[in-house]
């Protein structure tokens, strides 16, 4: 993965939506589920899927990432164990708007309830990972302010008085 500039998000995955299946609108509205597949998905999956053409394929999502579908930015809450492999190998990812902080199934990506948009052909689908927060540069240490009196030096005088 490319190095991150402080405070700058990294695009982990980006693609263009090339087709929206006839059943996608109902899946989003009635079930809060949005299914993506690469543009060469089997015919039997195309009606329920958003087909897309990848441009950047570096990584799948992780909790805390942002998914952008068109102009909607959606925080990722949880990710199942096979999500990245499915996305990078097949262009397949399932978004579930259930608000959960743990994925029920290995292929689930959980996002907030009612957060999924109705995707449109020509829109982008992007996953970004926030960069580390900018850390303030350490201030130049200021010279110590002298006290009003210099430290006293006590000299011992051999056999002397005090």
N, C-alpha and C. Protein backbone atom coordinates (compact mmCIF):
# COMPACT_ATOMS: atom_id res chain seq x y z
N UNK A 1 0.86 -1.18 0.00
CA UNK A 1 0.00 0.00 0.00
C UNK A 1 0.90 1.23 0.00
N UNK A 2 0.49 2.28 -0.70
CA UNK A 2 1.31 3.48 -0.74
C UNK A 2 1.42 4.10 0.64
N UNK A 3 2.48 4.88 0.82
CA UNK A 3 2.63 5.54 2.11
C UNK A 3 1.56 6.61 2.27
N UNK A 4 1.24 6.87 3.51
CA UNK A 4 0.19 7.84 3.81
C UNK A 4 0.80 9.16 4.20
N UNK A 5 0.28 10.23 3.64
CA UNK A 5 0.66 11.56 4.10
C UNK A 5 -0.20 11.83 5.33
N UNK A 6 0.33 12.55 6.26
CA UNK A 6 -0.40 12.83 7.49
C UNK A 6 -1.73 13.49 7.19
N UNK A 7 -2.80 12.89 7.70
CA UNK A 7 -4.13 13.47 7.57
C UNK A 7 -4.77 13.32 6.20
N UNK A 8 -4.13 12.61 5.27
CA UNK A 8 -4.67 12.45 3.93
C UNK A 8 -5.21 11.04 3.77
N UNK A 9 -6.43 10.91 3.22
CA UNK A 9 -7.02 9.59 3.02
C UNK A 9 -6.39 8.89 1.82
N UNK A 10 -6.31 7.57 1.91
CA UNK A 10 -5.80 6.75 0.82
C UNK A 10 -6.98 6.08 0.13
N UNK A 11 -7.01 6.10 -1.19
CA UNK A 11 -8.03 5.37 -1.94
C UNK A 11 -7.59 3.91 -2.00
N UNK A 12 -8.37 3.05 -1.37
CA UNK A 12 -8.06 1.62 -1.34
C UNK A 12 -8.67 0.90 -2.54
N UNK A 13 -9.82 1.39 -2.98
CA UNK A 13 -10.54 0.75 -4.07
C UNK A 13 -11.40 1.82 -4.74
N UNK A 14 -11.44 1.78 -6.06
CA UNK A 14 -12.28 2.74 -6.79
C UNK A 14 -12.75 2.10 -8.08
N UNK A 15 -13.99 2.35 -8.42
CA UNK A 15 -14.54 1.81 -9.67
C UNK A 15 -15.66 2.71 -10.18
N UNK A 16 -16.05 2.40 -11.40
CA UNK A 16 -17.17 3.12 -12.03
C UNK A 16 -18.34 2.16 -12.15
N UNK A 17 -19.52 2.63 -11.77
CA UNK A 17 -20.73 1.82 -11.88
C UNK A 17 -21.16 1.79 -13.34
N UNK A 18 -21.29 0.57 -13.89
CA UNK A 18 -21.62 0.43 -15.31
C UNK A 18 -23.03 -0.11 -15.56
N UNK A 19 -23.65 -0.71 -14.53
CA UNK A 19 -25.02 -1.21 -14.68
C UNK A 19 -25.63 -1.38 -13.30
N UNK A 20 -26.92 -1.06 -13.19
CA UNK A 20 -27.66 -1.27 -11.95
C UNK A 20 -28.79 -2.24 -12.27
N UNK A 21 -28.77 -3.41 -11.62
CA UNK A 21 -29.78 -4.43 -11.87
C UNK A 21 -31.18 -3.97 -11.52
N UNK A 22 -32.15 -4.60 -12.15
CA UNK A 22 -33.56 -4.19 -12.00
C UNK A 22 -34.10 -4.38 -10.58
N UNK A 23 -33.50 -5.26 -9.78
CA UNK A 23 -34.00 -5.52 -8.43
C UNK A 23 -33.22 -4.77 -7.34
N UNK A 24 -32.19 -4.02 -7.72
CA UNK A 24 -31.34 -3.34 -6.74
C UNK A 24 -32.15 -2.35 -5.91
N UNK A 25 -32.99 -1.56 -6.54
CA UNK A 25 -33.76 -0.53 -5.81
C UNK A 25 -34.58 -1.17 -4.68
N UNK A 26 -35.23 -2.28 -4.96
CA UNK A 26 -36.01 -2.97 -3.94
C UNK A 26 -35.16 -3.55 -2.83
N UNK A 27 -34.00 -4.11 -3.16
CA UNK A 27 -33.11 -4.65 -2.14
C UNK A 27 -32.66 -3.56 -1.18
N UNK A 28 -32.35 -2.39 -1.71
CA UNK A 28 -31.91 -1.28 -0.86
C UNK A 28 -33.09 -0.78 -0.02
N UNK A 29 -34.20 -0.50 -0.65
CA UNK A 29 -35.36 0.08 0.05
C UNK A 29 -35.98 -0.88 1.06
N UNK A 30 -36.13 -2.15 0.69
CA UNK A 30 -36.86 -3.11 1.53
C UNK A 30 -35.97 -3.86 2.52
N UNK A 31 -34.71 -4.06 2.18
CA UNK A 31 -33.86 -4.91 3.01
C UNK A 31 -32.57 -4.24 3.50
N UNK A 32 -32.26 -3.04 2.98
CA UNK A 32 -31.03 -2.37 3.38
C UNK A 32 -29.79 -3.12 2.94
N UNK A 33 -29.86 -3.74 1.75
CA UNK A 33 -28.74 -4.52 1.22
C UNK A 33 -28.38 -3.99 -0.16
N UNK A 34 -27.09 -3.82 -0.38
CA UNK A 34 -26.59 -3.38 -1.68
C UNK A 34 -25.46 -4.32 -2.09
N UNK A 35 -25.64 -5.00 -3.22
CA UNK A 35 -24.70 -6.01 -3.69
C UNK A 35 -23.97 -5.48 -4.92
N UNK A 36 -22.64 -5.56 -4.90
CA UNK A 36 -21.81 -5.18 -6.04
C UNK A 36 -21.12 -6.43 -6.58
N UNK A 37 -20.97 -6.46 -7.91
CA UNK A 37 -20.16 -7.48 -8.58
C UNK A 37 -19.39 -6.79 -9.69
N UNK A 38 -18.25 -7.38 -10.04
CA UNK A 38 -17.51 -6.90 -11.20
C UNK A 38 -18.38 -6.99 -12.43
N UNK A 39 -18.05 -6.23 -13.46
CA UNK A 39 -18.91 -6.12 -14.64
C UNK A 39 -19.13 -7.44 -15.38
N UNK A 40 -18.35 -8.46 -15.12
CA UNK A 40 -18.51 -9.74 -15.80
C UNK A 40 -19.17 -10.78 -14.91
N UNK A 41 -20.04 -10.35 -14.02
CA UNK A 41 -20.75 -11.25 -13.12
C UNK A 41 -21.65 -12.18 -13.93
N UNK A 42 -21.91 -13.39 -13.42
CA UNK A 42 -22.83 -14.30 -14.10
C UNK A 42 -24.20 -13.66 -14.30
N UNK A 43 -24.85 -14.01 -15.37
CA UNK A 43 -26.15 -13.43 -15.73
C UNK A 43 -27.17 -13.55 -14.61
N UNK A 44 -27.16 -14.67 -13.88
CA UNK A 44 -28.16 -14.89 -12.83
C UNK A 44 -27.99 -13.94 -11.63
N UNK A 45 -26.86 -13.25 -11.54
CA UNK A 45 -26.63 -12.31 -10.44
C UNK A 45 -26.83 -10.85 -10.84
N UNK A 46 -26.95 -10.60 -12.12
CA UNK A 46 -26.96 -9.21 -12.60
C UNK A 46 -28.19 -8.42 -12.20
N UNK A 47 -29.35 -9.04 -12.07
CA UNK A 47 -30.56 -8.30 -11.69
C UNK A 47 -30.53 -7.80 -10.25
N UNK A 48 -29.80 -8.49 -9.38
CA UNK A 48 -29.75 -8.08 -7.97
C UNK A 48 -28.51 -7.28 -7.64
N UNK A 49 -27.67 -7.01 -8.65
CA UNK A 49 -26.36 -6.42 -8.39
C UNK A 49 -26.13 -5.09 -9.09
N UNK A 50 -25.19 -4.35 -8.50
CA UNK A 50 -24.61 -3.17 -9.13
C UNK A 50 -23.33 -3.68 -9.78
N UNK A 51 -23.21 -3.56 -11.10
CA UNK A 51 -22.00 -4.00 -11.79
C UNK A 51 -21.06 -2.82 -11.94
N UNK A 52 -19.78 -3.08 -11.72
CA UNK A 52 -18.81 -1.99 -11.73
C UNK A 52 -17.51 -2.42 -12.39
N UNK A 53 -16.74 -1.40 -12.83
CA UNK A 53 -15.45 -1.61 -13.48
C UNK A 53 -14.37 -0.96 -12.62
N UNK A 54 -13.51 -1.78 -11.99
CA UNK A 54 -12.48 -1.23 -11.10
C UNK A 54 -11.43 -0.39 -11.81
N UNK A 55 -10.95 0.62 -11.11
CA UNK A 55 -9.88 1.50 -11.57
C UNK A 55 -8.69 1.38 -10.61
N UNK A 56 -8.96 1.31 -9.31
CA UNK A 56 -7.95 1.14 -8.27
C UNK A 56 -8.36 -0.08 -7.45
N UNK A 57 -7.43 -1.03 -7.29
CA UNK A 57 -7.72 -2.25 -6.53
C UNK A 57 -6.56 -2.55 -5.57
N UNK A 58 -6.44 -1.79 -4.50
CA UNK A 58 -5.34 -1.98 -3.55
C UNK A 58 -5.74 -2.79 -2.33
N UNK A 59 -6.96 -2.59 -1.83
CA UNK A 59 -7.39 -3.27 -0.60
C UNK A 59 -8.90 -3.19 -0.48
N UNK A 60 -9.43 -4.07 0.37
CA UNK A 60 -10.84 -4.02 0.70
C UNK A 60 -11.06 -3.10 1.89
N UNK A 61 -12.30 -2.95 2.31
CA UNK A 61 -12.60 -2.04 3.41
C UNK A 61 -12.20 -2.60 4.77
N UNK A 62 -12.04 -1.70 5.71
CA UNK A 62 -11.79 -2.02 7.12
C UNK A 62 -12.67 -1.11 7.96
N UNK A 63 -13.00 -1.52 9.17
CA UNK A 63 -13.79 -0.63 10.03
C UNK A 63 -13.09 0.73 10.15
N UNK A 64 -13.90 1.78 10.03
CA UNK A 64 -13.36 3.14 10.08
C UNK A 64 -13.13 3.75 8.72
N UNK A 65 -13.10 2.91 7.67
CA UNK A 65 -12.97 3.42 6.30
C UNK A 65 -14.27 4.12 5.91
N UNK A 66 -14.21 4.83 4.79
CA UNK A 66 -15.39 5.49 4.24
C UNK A 66 -15.67 4.90 2.86
N UNK A 67 -16.91 4.50 2.65
CA UNK A 67 -17.37 4.04 1.33
C UNK A 67 -18.12 5.20 0.71
N UNK A 68 -17.73 5.53 -0.51
CA UNK A 68 -18.42 6.58 -1.24
C UNK A 68 -19.12 5.94 -2.43
N UNK A 69 -20.42 6.13 -2.49
CA UNK A 69 -21.22 5.65 -3.61
C UNK A 69 -21.90 6.88 -4.18
N UNK A 70 -21.46 7.28 -5.39
CA UNK A 70 -21.92 8.56 -5.92
C UNK A 70 -21.45 9.65 -4.99
N UNK A 71 -22.38 10.50 -4.55
CA UNK A 71 -22.00 11.60 -3.65
C UNK A 71 -22.27 11.29 -2.18
N UNK A 72 -22.58 10.04 -1.86
CA UNK A 72 -22.86 9.65 -0.47
C UNK A 72 -21.63 9.03 0.16
N UNK A 73 -21.23 9.53 1.32
CA UNK A 73 -20.11 8.99 2.09
C UNK A 73 -20.68 8.21 3.28
N UNK A 74 -20.25 6.95 3.41
CA UNK A 74 -20.82 6.05 4.41
C UNK A 74 -19.70 5.44 5.24
N UNK A 75 -19.76 5.54 6.57
CA UNK A 75 -18.71 4.92 7.39
C UNK A 75 -18.87 3.40 7.45
N UNK A 76 -17.75 2.70 7.41
CA UNK A 76 -17.74 1.24 7.54
C UNK A 76 -17.67 0.91 9.03
N UNK A 77 -18.64 0.11 9.51
CA UNK A 77 -18.70 -0.24 10.93
C UNK A 77 -18.06 -1.59 11.22
N UNK A 78 -18.23 -2.57 10.32
CA UNK A 78 -17.69 -3.91 10.52
C UNK A 78 -17.47 -4.57 9.17
N UNK A 79 -16.51 -5.51 9.15
CA UNK A 79 -16.15 -6.19 7.90
C UNK A 79 -15.93 -7.67 8.19
N UNK A 80 -16.57 -8.54 7.41
CA UNK A 80 -16.38 -9.98 7.55
C UNK A 80 -15.02 -10.43 7.03
N UNK A 81 -14.66 -11.65 7.36
CA UNK A 81 -13.31 -12.16 7.10
C UNK A 81 -12.97 -12.40 5.63
N UNK A 82 -13.95 -12.54 4.74
CA UNK A 82 -13.64 -12.81 3.33
C UNK A 82 -13.94 -11.63 2.41
N UNK A 83 -14.31 -10.51 2.98
CA UNK A 83 -14.70 -9.35 2.18
C UNK A 83 -13.60 -8.89 1.23
N UNK A 84 -12.40 -8.71 1.75
CA UNK A 84 -11.31 -8.20 0.90
C UNK A 84 -11.02 -9.16 -0.26
N UNK A 85 -10.92 -10.44 0.03
CA UNK A 85 -10.64 -11.43 -1.02
C UNK A 85 -11.75 -11.42 -2.08
N UNK A 86 -13.01 -11.38 -1.66
CA UNK A 86 -14.12 -11.35 -2.61
C UNK A 86 -14.07 -10.11 -3.50
N UNK A 87 -13.78 -8.96 -2.87
CA UNK A 87 -13.74 -7.71 -3.63
C UNK A 87 -12.59 -7.71 -4.63
N UNK A 88 -11.40 -8.08 -4.18
CA UNK A 88 -10.23 -8.02 -5.07
C UNK A 88 -10.26 -9.11 -6.14
N UNK A 89 -10.81 -10.29 -5.83
CA UNK A 89 -10.85 -11.40 -6.80
C UNK A 89 -12.04 -11.33 -7.74
N UNK A 90 -13.21 -10.92 -7.23
CA UNK A 90 -14.46 -10.99 -8.00
C UNK A 90 -15.14 -9.63 -8.21
N UNK A 91 -14.65 -8.62 -7.53
CA UNK A 91 -15.37 -7.34 -7.56
C UNK A 91 -16.66 -7.42 -6.77
N UNK A 92 -16.76 -8.42 -5.88
CA UNK A 92 -18.00 -8.67 -5.14
C UNK A 92 -17.91 -8.15 -3.71
N UNK A 93 -18.97 -7.42 -3.32
CA UNK A 93 -19.06 -6.92 -1.95
C UNK A 93 -20.54 -6.72 -1.62
N UNK A 94 -20.91 -7.07 -0.38
CA UNK A 94 -22.29 -6.90 0.11
C UNK A 94 -22.30 -5.88 1.23
N UNK A 95 -23.05 -4.81 1.04
CA UNK A 95 -23.22 -3.82 2.08
C UNK A 95 -24.55 -4.06 2.75
N UNK A 96 -24.54 -4.12 4.08
CA UNK A 96 -25.77 -4.30 4.85
C UNK A 96 -25.93 -3.11 5.79
N UNK A 97 -27.00 -2.37 5.60
CA UNK A 97 -27.28 -1.19 6.43
C UNK A 97 -28.01 -1.63 7.69
N UNK A 98 -27.26 -2.30 8.58
CA UNK A 98 -27.85 -2.83 9.80
C UNK A 98 -27.30 -2.17 11.07
N UNK A 99 -26.32 -1.30 10.93
CA UNK A 99 -25.76 -0.59 12.07
C UNK A 99 -24.94 -1.44 13.02
N UNK A 100 -24.62 -2.68 12.64
CA UNK A 100 -23.91 -3.58 13.55
C UNK A 100 -22.41 -3.30 13.59
N UNK A 101 -21.81 -3.59 14.74
CA UNK A 101 -20.37 -3.41 14.91
C UNK A 101 -19.61 -4.72 14.73
N UNK A 102 -20.32 -5.80 14.39
CA UNK A 102 -19.70 -7.08 14.07
C UNK A 102 -20.49 -7.70 12.91
N UNK A 103 -19.78 -8.22 11.92
CA UNK A 103 -20.43 -8.82 10.75
C UNK A 103 -21.00 -10.18 11.11
N UNK A 104 -22.25 -10.44 10.71
CA UNK A 104 -22.88 -11.74 10.95
C UNK A 104 -22.29 -12.83 10.05
N UNK A 105 -21.99 -12.46 8.81
CA UNK A 105 -21.48 -13.41 7.82
C UNK A 105 -20.11 -12.98 7.35
N UNK A 106 -19.28 -13.91 6.88
CA UNK A 106 -17.92 -13.57 6.46
C UNK A 106 -17.84 -12.57 5.30
N UNK A 107 -18.90 -12.46 4.52
CA UNK A 107 -18.88 -11.55 3.38
C UNK A 107 -19.59 -10.23 3.62
N UNK A 108 -20.03 -9.97 4.83
CA UNK A 108 -20.79 -8.75 5.13
C UNK A 108 -19.89 -7.54 5.39
N UNK A 109 -20.36 -6.39 4.91
CA UNK A 109 -19.81 -5.10 5.31
C UNK A 109 -20.96 -4.34 5.95
N UNK A 110 -20.85 -4.07 7.24
CA UNK A 110 -21.92 -3.39 7.96
C UNK A 110 -21.72 -1.88 7.93
N UNK A 111 -22.83 -1.19 7.64
CA UNK A 111 -22.84 0.27 7.59
C UNK A 111 -24.06 0.75 8.37
N UNK A 112 -24.15 2.05 8.69
CA UNK A 112 -25.30 2.53 9.46
C UNK A 112 -26.64 2.27 8.77
N UNK A 113 -27.66 2.13 9.60
CA UNK A 113 -29.03 1.92 9.12
C UNK A 113 -29.43 3.09 8.21
N UNK A 114 -30.14 2.79 7.15
CA UNK A 114 -30.66 3.79 6.20
C UNK A 114 -29.57 4.64 5.54
N UNK A 115 -28.37 4.11 5.40
CA UNK A 115 -27.28 4.91 4.82
C UNK A 115 -27.03 4.63 3.34
N UNK A 116 -27.63 3.56 2.80
CA UNK A 116 -27.32 3.18 1.42
C UNK A 116 -28.13 3.98 0.40
N UNK A 117 -27.46 4.50 -0.60
CA UNK A 117 -28.15 5.25 -1.65
C UNK A 117 -28.63 4.32 -2.77
N UNK A 118 -29.39 4.87 -3.68
CA UNK A 118 -29.73 4.17 -4.92
C UNK A 118 -28.64 4.54 -5.92
N UNK A 119 -27.75 3.61 -6.27
CA UNK A 119 -26.63 3.95 -7.16
C UNK A 119 -27.10 4.22 -8.59
N UNK A 120 -26.30 4.99 -9.32
CA UNK A 120 -26.63 5.35 -10.70
C UNK A 120 -25.46 4.99 -11.61
N UNK A 121 -25.78 4.58 -12.82
CA UNK A 121 -24.76 4.28 -13.82
C UNK A 121 -23.92 5.54 -14.05
N UNK A 122 -22.60 5.33 -14.13
CA UNK A 122 -21.68 6.44 -14.33
C UNK A 122 -21.13 7.01 -13.03
N UNK A 123 -21.76 6.68 -11.90
CA UNK A 123 -21.27 7.14 -10.60
C UNK A 123 -20.05 6.34 -10.19
N UNK A 124 -19.33 6.87 -9.21
CA UNK A 124 -18.17 6.15 -8.71
C UNK A 124 -18.52 5.39 -7.45
N UNK A 125 -17.75 4.35 -7.21
CA UNK A 125 -17.79 3.56 -5.98
C UNK A 125 -16.36 3.55 -5.48
N UNK A 126 -16.16 4.07 -4.27
CA UNK A 126 -14.79 4.26 -3.76
C UNK A 126 -14.73 3.89 -2.28
N UNK A 127 -13.59 3.32 -1.89
CA UNK A 127 -13.32 3.05 -0.48
C UNK A 127 -12.07 3.84 -0.12
N UNK A 128 -12.19 4.69 0.89
CA UNK A 128 -11.03 5.47 1.33
C UNK A 128 -10.72 5.15 2.78
N UNK A 129 -9.44 5.18 3.07
CA UNK A 129 -8.96 4.93 4.43
C UNK A 129 -8.37 6.22 4.96
N UNK A 130 -8.92 6.73 6.06
CA UNK A 130 -8.39 7.98 6.62
C UNK A 130 -6.92 7.81 7.00
N UNK A 131 -6.15 8.86 6.75
CA UNK A 131 -4.75 8.86 7.15
C UNK A 131 -4.64 9.13 8.63
N UNK A 132 -3.45 8.97 9.16
CA UNK A 132 -3.28 9.28 10.58
C UNK A 132 -3.52 10.76 10.81
N UNK A 133 -4.01 11.10 11.99
CA UNK A 133 -4.24 12.53 12.26
C UNK A 133 -2.92 13.28 12.23
N UNK A 134 -3.01 14.52 11.80
CA UNK A 134 -1.81 15.34 11.78
C UNK A 134 -1.36 15.57 13.21
N UNK A 135 -0.08 15.35 13.43
CA UNK A 135 0.45 15.58 14.76
C UNK A 135 1.16 16.92 14.76
N UNK A 136 0.93 17.70 15.79
CA UNK A 136 1.59 19.00 15.82
C UNK A 136 3.10 18.80 15.90
N UNK A 137 3.82 19.68 15.24
CA UNK A 137 5.28 19.57 15.31
C UNK A 137 5.72 19.96 16.71
N UNK A 138 6.75 19.28 17.20
CA UNK A 138 7.18 19.62 18.56
C UNK A 138 7.68 21.06 18.59
N UNK A 139 7.30 21.74 19.63
CA UNK A 139 7.72 23.13 19.77
C UNK A 139 9.21 23.17 20.13
N UNK A 140 9.86 24.20 19.68
CA UNK A 140 11.26 24.39 20.04
C UNK A 140 11.31 24.69 21.52
N UNK A 141 12.10 23.91 22.23
CA UNK A 141 12.12 24.16 23.68
C UNK A 141 12.60 25.58 23.96
N UNK A 142 11.92 26.22 24.88
CA UNK A 142 12.33 27.58 25.23
C UNK A 142 13.43 27.50 26.27
N UNK A 143 14.36 28.45 26.22
CA UNK A 143 15.42 28.41 27.23
C UNK A 143 14.80 28.58 28.61
N UNK A 144 15.38 27.92 29.55
CA UNK A 144 14.82 28.02 30.89
C UNK A 144 14.97 29.44 31.40
N UNK A 145 13.93 29.88 32.04
CA UNK A 145 13.94 31.21 32.61
C UNK A 145 14.77 31.18 33.88
N UNK A 146 15.77 32.05 33.98
CA UNK A 146 16.59 32.02 35.19
C UNK A 146 15.77 32.44 36.40
N UNK A 147 16.11 31.86 37.50
CA UNK A 147 15.43 32.25 38.73
C UNK A 147 15.95 33.62 39.15
N UNK A 148 15.28 34.26 40.08
CA UNK A 148 15.70 35.59 40.49
C UNK A 148 17.05 35.58 41.21
N UNK A 149 17.39 34.47 41.80
CA UNK A 149 18.68 34.40 42.48
C UNK A 149 19.46 33.23 41.92
N UNK A 150 20.73 33.47 41.66
CA UNK A 150 21.53 32.34 41.18
C UNK A 150 21.70 31.33 42.30
N UNK A 151 21.91 30.08 41.91
CA UNK A 151 22.09 29.07 42.97
C UNK A 151 23.32 29.39 43.80
N UNK A 152 23.24 29.17 45.11
CA UNK A 152 24.38 29.46 45.99
C UNK A 152 25.35 28.30 45.98
N UNK A 153 26.59 28.68 46.11
CA UNK A 153 27.63 27.66 46.14
C UNK A 153 28.18 27.68 47.55
N UNK A 154 28.20 26.58 48.17
CA UNK A 154 28.74 26.49 49.53
C UNK A 154 30.11 25.88 49.42
N UNK A 155 31.05 26.61 49.88
CA UNK A 155 32.43 26.11 49.84
C UNK A 155 32.82 25.70 51.24
N UNK A 156 33.39 24.60 51.30
CA UNK A 156 33.89 24.15 52.60
C UNK A 156 35.30 24.67 52.79
N UNK A 157 35.49 25.35 53.89
CA UNK A 157 36.82 25.89 54.19
C UNK A 157 37.42 24.94 55.22
N UNK A 158 38.55 24.37 54.85
CA UNK A 158 39.15 23.42 55.80
C UNK A 158 39.47 24.10 57.13
N UNK A 159 38.94 23.50 58.13
CA UNK A 159 39.17 23.99 59.47
C UNK A 159 38.62 25.37 59.68
N UNK A 160 37.75 25.78 58.76
CA UNK A 160 37.29 27.15 58.82
C UNK A 160 35.97 27.30 59.54
N UNK A 161 35.55 28.53 59.56
CA UNK A 161 34.31 28.88 60.21
C UNK A 161 33.15 28.72 59.27
N UNK A 162 32.06 28.80 59.85
CA UNK A 162 30.84 28.73 59.06
C UNK A 162 30.22 30.05 58.81
